[in-house]
């Protein structure tokens, strides 16, 4: 069963000429694909967040201990 929001959007789209319905549908497909991509990245970052925190702590500790070296961009 569709939510009231989906029902409203469908009714709005049905009031448009078919050519505009196609344009709206294409925009919605792109928007939904973008949202799915964002959800994928959010999930990925959630899985690795603790690893990133640990790496940042190690880097901070190495800097404090004088073990860190400046990055030489010319050697990259």
PDB file of N, CA and C in Angstrom:
ATOM      1  N   UNK A   1       0.844  -1.187   0.000  1.00  0.00           N
ATOM      2  CA  UNK A   1       0.000   0.000   0.000  1.00  0.00           C
ATOM      3  C   UNK A   1       0.881   1.238   0.000  1.00  0.00           C
ATOM      4  N   UNK A   2       0.530   2.198  -0.797  1.00  0.00           N
ATOM      5  CA  UNK A   2       1.301   3.424  -0.918  1.00  0.00           C
ATOM      6  C   UNK A   2       1.045   4.352   0.261  1.00  0.00           C
ATOM      7  N   UNK A   3       2.085   5.099   0.609  1.00  0.00           N
ATOM      8  CA  UNK A   3       1.939   6.094   1.661  1.00  0.00           C
ATOM      9  C   UNK A   3       1.179   7.295   1.108  1.00  0.00           C
ATOM     10  N   UNK A   4       0.644   8.142   1.988  1.00  0.00           N
ATOM     11  CA  UNK A   4      -0.045   9.350   1.515  1.00  0.00           C
ATOM     12  C   UNK A   4       0.867  10.242   0.667  1.00  0.00           C
ATOM     13  N   UNK A   5       2.140  10.292   0.992  1.00  0.00           N
ATOM     14  CA  UNK A   5       3.076  11.121   0.219  1.00  0.00           C
ATOM     15  C   UNK A   5       3.197  10.608  -1.209  1.00  0.00           C
ATOM     16  N   UNK A   6       3.304   9.305  -1.377  1.00  0.00           N
ATOM     17  CA  UNK A   6       3.423   8.722  -2.717  1.00  0.00           C
ATOM     18  C   UNK A   6       2.132   8.930  -3.490  1.00  0.00           C
ATOM     19  N   UNK A   7       1.013   8.746  -2.821  1.00  0.00           N
ATOM     20  CA  UNK A   7      -0.282   8.967  -3.468  1.00  0.00           C
ATOM     21  C   UNK A   7      -0.407  10.401  -3.954  1.00  0.00           C
ATOM     22  N   UNK A   8       0.033  11.352  -3.154  1.00  0.00           N
ATOM     23  CA  UNK A   8      -0.022  12.767  -3.532  1.00  0.00           C
ATOM     24  C   UNK A   8       0.862  13.038  -4.736  1.00  0.00           C
ATOM     25  N   UNK A   9       2.079  12.496  -4.743  1.00  0.00           N
ATOM     26  CA  UNK A   9       2.998  12.707  -5.865  1.00  0.00           C
ATOM     27  C   UNK A   9       2.430  12.100  -7.144  1.00  0.00           C
ATOM     28  N   UNK A  10       1.863  10.932  -7.036  1.00  0.00           N
ATOM     29  CA  UNK A  10       1.267  10.285  -8.214  1.00  0.00           C
ATOM     30  C   UNK A  10       0.123  11.138  -8.760  1.00  0.00           C
ATOM     31  N   UNK A  11      -0.723  11.628  -7.874  1.00  0.00           N
ATOM     32  CA  UNK A  11      -1.844  12.463  -8.319  1.00  0.00           C
ATOM     33  C   UNK A  11      -1.331  13.728  -8.997  1.00  0.00           C
ATOM     34  N   UNK A  12      -0.274  14.314  -8.444  1.00  0.00           N
ATOM     35  CA  UNK A  12       0.298  15.517  -9.048  1.00  0.00           C
ATOM     36  C   UNK A  12       0.856  15.204 -10.430  1.00  0.00           C
ATOM     37  N   UNK A  13       1.553  14.086 -10.541  1.00  0.00           N
ATOM     38  CA  UNK A  13       2.135  13.708 -11.830  1.00  0.00           C
ATOM     39  C   UNK A  13       1.055  13.406 -12.865  1.00  0.00           C
ATOM     40  N   UNK A  14      -0.014  12.749 -12.432  1.00  0.00           N
ATOM     41  CA  UNK A  14      -1.085  12.390 -13.369  1.00  0.00           C
ATOM     42  C   UNK A  14      -1.781  13.625 -13.939  1.00  0.00           C
ATOM     43  N   UNK A  15      -1.675  14.756 -13.237  1.00  0.00           N
ATOM     44  CA  UNK A  15      -2.310  15.973 -13.727  1.00  0.00           C
ATOM     45  C   UNK A  15      -1.474  16.656 -14.814  1.00  0.00           C
ATOM     46  N   UNK A  16      -0.264  16.177 -15.007  1.00  0.00           N
ATOM     47  CA  UNK A  16       0.634  16.766 -16.005  1.00  0.00           C
ATOM     48  C   UNK A  16       0.483  16.074 -17.357  1.00  0.00           C
ATOM     49  N   UNK A  17       0.845  16.773 -18.422  1.00  0.00           N
ATOM     50  CA  UNK A  17       0.894  16.105 -19.730  1.00  0.00           C
ATOM     51  C   UNK A  17       1.928  14.975 -19.695  1.00  0.00           C
ATOM     52  N   UNK A  18       1.751  13.993 -20.557  1.00  0.00           N
ATOM     53  CA  UNK A  18       2.605  12.806 -20.532  1.00  0.00           C
ATOM     54  C   UNK A  18       4.088  13.134 -20.708  1.00  0.00           C
ATOM     55  N   UNK A  19       4.398  14.110 -21.557  1.00  0.00           N
ATOM     56  CA  UNK A  19       5.811  14.467 -21.758  1.00  0.00           C
ATOM     57  C   UNK A  19       6.435  14.997 -20.470  1.00  0.00           C
ATOM     58  N   UNK A  20       5.663  15.775 -19.714  1.00  0.00           N
ATOM     59  CA  UNK A  20       6.181  16.269 -18.425  1.00  0.00           C
ATOM     60  C   UNK A  20       6.243  15.156 -17.397  1.00  0.00           C
ATOM     61  N   UNK A  21       5.310  14.218 -17.456  1.00  0.00           N
ATOM     62  CA  UNK A  21       5.359  13.069 -16.550  1.00  0.00           C
ATOM     63  C   UNK A  21       6.663  12.305 -16.737  1.00  0.00           C
ATOM     64  N   UNK A  22       7.079  12.139 -17.995  1.00  0.00           N
ATOM     65  CA  UNK A  22       8.331  11.445 -18.285  1.00  0.00           C
ATOM     66  C   UNK A  22       9.518  12.204 -17.696  1.00  0.00           C
ATOM     67  N   UNK A  23       9.515  13.516 -17.843  1.00  0.00           N
ATOM     68  CA  UNK A  23      10.611  14.330 -17.293  1.00  0.00           C
ATOM     69  C   UNK A  23      10.667  14.220 -15.775  1.00  0.00           C
ATOM     70  N   UNK A  24       9.506  14.306 -15.138  1.00  0.00           N
ATOM     71  CA  UNK A  24       9.450  14.198 -13.675  1.00  0.00           C
ATOM     72  C   UNK A  24       9.930  12.816 -13.243  1.00  0.00           C
ATOM     73  N   UNK A  25       9.475  11.790 -13.956  1.00  0.00           N
ATOM     74  CA  UNK A  25       9.886  10.424 -13.612  1.00  0.00           C
ATOM     75  C   UNK A  25      11.401  10.264 -13.735  1.00  0.00           C
ATOM     76  N   UNK A  26      11.988  10.839 -14.776  1.00  0.00           N
ATOM     77  CA  UNK A  26      13.443  10.755 -14.952  1.00  0.00           C
ATOM     78  C   UNK A  26      14.167  11.467 -13.812  1.00  0.00           C
ATOM     79  N   UNK A  27      13.682  12.647 -13.441  1.00  0.00           N
ATOM     80  CA  UNK A  27      14.284  13.368 -12.310  1.00  0.00           C
ATOM     81  C   UNK A  27      14.164  12.561 -11.026  1.00  0.00           C
ATOM     82  N   UNK A  28      13.017  11.932 -10.818  1.00  0.00           N
ATOM     83  CA  UNK A  28      12.832  11.109  -9.620  1.00  0.00           C
ATOM     84  C   UNK A  28      13.770   9.910  -9.617  1.00  0.00           C
ATOM     85  N   UNK A  29      13.949   9.272 -10.778  1.00  0.00           N
ATOM     86  CA  UNK A  29      14.882   8.128 -10.863  1.00  0.00           C
ATOM     87  C   UNK A  29      16.296   8.566 -10.488  1.00  0.00           C
ATOM     88  N   UNK A  30      16.715   9.703 -11.028  1.00  0.00           N
ATOM     89  CA  UNK A  30      18.057  10.208 -10.719  1.00  0.00           C
ATOM     90  C   UNK A  30      18.182  10.557  -9.242  1.00  0.00           C
ATOM     91  N   UNK A  31      17.157  11.209  -8.704  1.00  0.00           N
ATOM     92  CA  UNK A  31      17.181  11.602  -7.300  1.00  0.00           C
ATOM     93  C   UNK A  31      17.229  10.383  -6.386  1.00  0.00           C
ATOM     94  N   UNK A  32      16.416   9.384  -6.696  1.00  0.00           N
ATOM     95  CA  UNK A  32      16.401   8.155  -5.887  1.00  0.00           C
ATOM     96  C   UNK A  32      17.743   7.432  -5.998  1.00  0.00           C
ATOM     97  N   UNK A  33      18.334   7.397  -7.184  1.00  0.00           N
ATOM     98  CA  UNK A  33      19.650   6.769  -7.346  1.00  0.00           C
ATOM     99  C   UNK A  33      20.688   7.497  -6.500  1.00  0.00           C
ATOM    100  N   UNK A  34      20.625   8.826  -6.476  1.00  0.00           N
ATOM    101  CA  UNK A  34      21.547   9.604  -5.642  1.00  0.00           C
ATOM    102  C   UNK A  34      21.349   9.284  -4.163  1.00  0.00           C
ATOM    103  N   UNK A  35      20.097   9.193  -3.744  1.00  0.00           N
ATOM    104  CA  UNK A  35      19.804   8.857  -2.341  1.00  0.00           C
ATOM    105  C   UNK A  35      20.328   7.467  -1.987  1.00  0.00           C
ATOM    106  N   UNK A  36      20.145   6.513  -2.897  1.00  0.00           N
ATOM    107  CA  UNK A  36      20.647   5.157  -2.644  1.00  0.00           C
ATOM    108  C   UNK A  36      22.169   5.159  -2.544  1.00  0.00           C
ATOM    109  N   UNK A  37      22.820   5.953  -3.387  1.00  0.00           N
ATOM    110  CA  UNK A  37      24.272   6.059  -3.338  1.00  0.00           C
ATOM    111  C   UNK A  37      24.725   6.668  -2.010  1.00  0.00           C
ATOM    112  N   UNK A  38      24.032   7.702  -1.549  1.00  0.00           N
ATOM    113  CA  UNK A  38      24.363   8.312  -0.259  1.00  0.00           C
ATOM    114  C   UNK A  38      24.181   7.320   0.880  1.00  0.00           C
ATOM    115  N   UNK A  39      23.103   6.531   0.831  1.00  0.00           N
ATOM    116  CA  UNK A  39      22.875   5.527   1.871  1.00  0.00           C
ATOM    117  C   UNK A  39      24.002   4.495   1.869  1.00  0.00           C
ATOM    118  N   UNK A  40      24.452   4.117   0.681  1.00  0.00           N
ATOM    119  CA  UNK A  40      25.545   3.151   0.561  1.00  0.00           C
ATOM    120  C   UNK A  40      26.821   3.709   1.207  1.00  0.00           C
ATOM    121  N   UNK A  41      27.142   4.980   0.884  1.00  0.00           N
ATOM    122  CA  UNK A  41      28.335   5.600   1.463  1.00  0.00           C
ATOM    123  C   UNK A  41      28.204   5.750   2.974  1.00  0.00           C
ATOM    124  N   UNK A  42      27.026   6.154   3.450  1.00  0.00           N
ATOM    125  CA  UNK A  42      26.807   6.294   4.896  1.00  0.00           C
ATOM    126  C   UNK A  42      27.036   4.957   5.596  1.00  0.00           C
ATOM    127  N   UNK A  43      26.513   3.900   5.016  1.00  0.00           N
ATOM    128  CA  UNK A  43      26.677   2.563   5.598  1.00  0.00           C
ATOM    129  C   UNK A  43      28.155   2.168   5.604  1.00  0.00           C
ATOM    130  N   UNK A  44      28.846   2.461   4.515  1.00  0.00           N
ATOM    131  CA  UNK A  44      30.265   2.141   4.405  1.00  0.00           C
ATOM    132  C   UNK A  44      31.073   2.898   5.454  1.00  0.00           C
ATOM    133  N   UNK A  45      30.783   4.186   5.606  1.00  0.00           N
ATOM    134  CA  UNK A  45      31.510   4.979   6.595  1.00  0.00           C
ATOM    135  C   UNK A  45      31.212   4.522   8.014  1.00  0.00           C
ATOM    136  N   UNK A  46      29.980   4.111   8.276  1.00  0.00           N
ATOM    137  CA  UNK A  46      29.639   3.613   9.608  1.00  0.00           C
ATOM    138  C   UNK A  46      30.453   2.371   9.940  1.00  0.00           C
ATOM    139  N   UNK A  47      30.670   1.516   8.940  1.00  0.00           N
ATOM    140  CA  UNK A  47      31.434   0.289   9.166  1.00  0.00           C
ATOM    141  C   UNK A  47      32.905   0.579   9.452  1.00  0.00           C
ATOM    142  N   UNK A  48      33.429   1.660   8.893  1.00  0.00           N
ATOM    143  CA  UNK A  48      34.862   1.944   9.027  1.00  0.00           C
ATOM    144  C   UNK A  48      35.168   3.092   9.985  1.00  0.00           C
ATOM    145  N   UNK A  49      34.144   3.667  10.601  1.00  0.00           N
ATOM    146  CA  UNK A  49      34.365   4.836  11.449  1.00  0.00           C
ATOM    147  C   UNK A  49      35.351   4.553  12.580  1.00  0.00           C
ATOM    148  N   UNK A  50      35.224   3.418  13.248  1.00  0.00           N
ATOM    149  CA  UNK A  50      36.133   3.111  14.354  1.00  0.00           C
ATOM    150  C   UNK A  50      37.562   2.957  13.853  1.00  0.00           C
ATOM    151  N   UNK A  51      37.744   2.383  12.671  1.00  0.00           N
ATOM    152  CA  UNK A  51      39.091   2.265  12.106  1.00  0.00           C
ATOM    153  C   UNK A  51      39.676   3.637  11.815  1.00  0.00           C
ATOM    154  N   UNK A  52      38.856   4.553  11.312  1.00  0.00           N
ATOM    155  CA  UNK A  52      39.328   5.911  11.046  1.00  0.00           C
ATOM    156  C   UNK A  52      39.709   6.624  12.342  1.00  0.00           C
ATOM    157  N   UNK A  53      38.905   6.422  13.379  1.00  0.00           N
ATOM    158  CA  UNK A  53      39.208   7.022  14.687  1.00  0.00           C
ATOM    159  C   UNK A  53      40.531   6.481  15.212  1.00  0.00           C
ATOM    160  N   UNK A  54      40.725   5.171  15.114  1.00  0.00           N
ATOM    161  CA  UNK A  54      41.967   4.561  15.593  1.00  0.00           C
ATOM    162  C   UNK A  54      43.173   5.074  14.808  1.00  0.00           C
ATOM    163  N   UNK A  55      43.032   5.207  13.490  1.00  0.00           N
ATOM    164  CA  UNK A  55      44.130   5.714  12.672  1.00  0.00           C
ATOM    165  C   UNK A  55      44.460   7.154  13.041  1.00  0.00           C
ATOM    166  N   UNK A  56      43.443   7.954  13.287  1.00  0.00           N
ATOM    167  CA  UNK A  56      43.673   9.346  13.682  1.00  0.00           C
ATOM    168  C   UNK A  56      44.377   9.417  15.031  1.00  0.00           C
ATOM    169  N   UNK A  57      43.996   8.559  15.945  1.00  0.00           N
ATOM    170  CA  UNK A  57      44.655   8.533  17.263  1.00  0.00           C
ATOM    171  C   UNK A  57      46.127   8.135  17.135  1.00  0.00           C
ATOM    172  N   UNK A  58      46.390   7.110  16.286  1.00  0.00           N
ATOM    173  CA  UNK A  58      47.784   6.695  16.077  1.00  0.00           C
ATOM    174  C   UNK A  58      48.601   7.828  15.468  1.00  0.00           C
ATOM    175  N   UNK A  59      48.016   8.514  14.497  1.00  0.00           N
ATOM    176  CA  UNK A  59      48.728   9.628  13.852  1.00  0.00           C
ATOM    177  C   UNK A  59      49.009  10.728  14.858  1.00  0.00           C
ATOM    178  N   UNK A  60      48.029  11.045  15.669  1.00  0.00           N
ATOM    179  CA  UNK A  60      48.201  12.089  16.679  1.00  0.00           C
ATOM    180  C   UNK A  60      49.297  11.687  17.673  1.00  0.00           C
ATOM    181  N   UNK A  61      49.304  10.415  18.059  1.00  0.00           N
ATOM    182  CA  UNK A  61      50.311   9.925  18.993  1.00  0.00           C
ATOM    183  C   UNK A  61      51.706   9.984  18.359  1.00  0.00           C
ATOM    184  N   UNK A  62      51.808   9.569  17.103  1.00  0.00           N
ATOM    185  CA  UNK A  62      53.103   9.616  16.418  1.00  0.00           C
ATOM    186  C   UNK A  62      53.610  11.050  16.273  1.00  0.00           C
ATOM    187  N   UNK A  63      52.709  11.971  16.015  1.00  0.00           N
ATOM    188  CA  UNK A  63      53.114  13.381  15.934  1.00  0.00           C
ATOM    189  C   UNK A  63      53.634  13.846  17.284  1.00  0.00           C
ATOM    190  N   UNK A  64      52.909  13.506  18.357  1.00  0.00           N
ATOM    191  CA  UNK A  64      53.314  13.915  19.705  1.00  0.00           C
ATOM    192  C   UNK A  64      54.655  13.305  20.098  1.00  0.00           C
ATOM    193  N   UNK A  65      54.931  12.096  19.610  1.00  0.00           N
ATOM    194  CA  UNK A  65      56.189  11.411  19.929  1.00  0.00           C
ATOM    195  C   UNK A  65      57.318  11.795  18.973  1.00  0.00           C
ATOM    196  N   UNK A  66      57.025  12.644  18.011  1.00  0.00           N
ATOM    197  CA  UNK A  66      58.042  13.076  17.058  1.00  0.00           C
ATOM    198  C   UNK A  66      58.382  12.023  16.020  1.00  0.00           C
ATOM    199  N   UNK A  67      57.522  11.044  15.837  1.00  0.00           N
ATOM    200  CA  UNK A  67      57.786   9.972  14.876  1.00  0.00           C
ATOM    201  C   UNK A  67      57.242  10.280  13.475  1.00  0.00           C
ATOM    202  N   UNK A  68      56.448  11.312  13.370  1.00  0.00           N
ATOM    203  CA  UNK A  68      55.832  11.635  12.078  1.00  0.00           C
ATOM    204  C   UNK A  68      56.783  12.467  11.235  1.00  0.00           C
ATOM    205  N   UNK A  69      56.735  12.227   9.926  1.00  0.00           N
ATOM    206  CA  UNK A  69      57.550  12.997   8.985  1.00  0.00           C
ATOM    207  C   UNK A  69      56.636  13.792   8.069  1.00  0.00           C
ATOM    208  N   UNK A  70      57.132  14.949   7.642  1.00  0.00           N
ATOM    209  CA  UNK A  70      56.373  15.732   6.669  1.00  0.00           C
ATOM    210  C   UNK A  70      56.313  14.991   5.341  1.00  0.00           C
ATOM    211  N   UNK A  71      55.204  15.123   4.667  1.00  0.00           N
ATOM    212  CA  UNK A  71      55.022  14.489   3.374  1.00  0.00           C
ATOM    213  C   UNK A  71      55.734  15.295   2.309  1.00  0.00           C
ATOM    214  N   UNK A  72      56.584  14.615   1.539  1.00  0.00           N
ATOM    215  CA  UNK A  72      57.296  15.276   0.446  1.00  0.00           C
ATOM    216  C   UNK A  72      56.491  15.068  -0.830  1.00  0.00           C
ATOM    217  N   UNK A  73      55.746  16.084  -1.215  1.00  0.00           N
ATOM    218  CA  UNK A  73      54.867  15.981  -2.380  1.00  0.00           C
ATOM    219  C   UNK A  73      55.640  15.762  -3.671  1.00  0.00           C
ATOM    220  N   UNK A  74      56.897  16.168  -3.725  1.00  0.00           N
ATOM    221  CA  UNK A  74      57.694  15.981  -4.930  1.00  0.00           C
ATOM    222  C   UNK A  74      58.035  14.515  -5.169  1.00  0.00           C
ATOM    223  N   UNK A  75      57.976  13.702  -4.141  1.00  0.00           N
ATOM    224  CA  UNK A  75      58.311  12.286  -4.287  1.00  0.00           C
ATOM    225  C   UNK A  75      57.082  11.406  -4.494  1.00  0.00           C
ATOM    226  N   UNK A  76      55.934  12.005  -4.639  1.00  0.00           N
ATOM    227  CA  UNK A  76      54.716  11.206  -4.852  1.00  0.00           C
ATOM    228  C   UNK A  76      54.604  10.729  -6.254  1.00  0.00           C
TER     229      UNK A  76
END
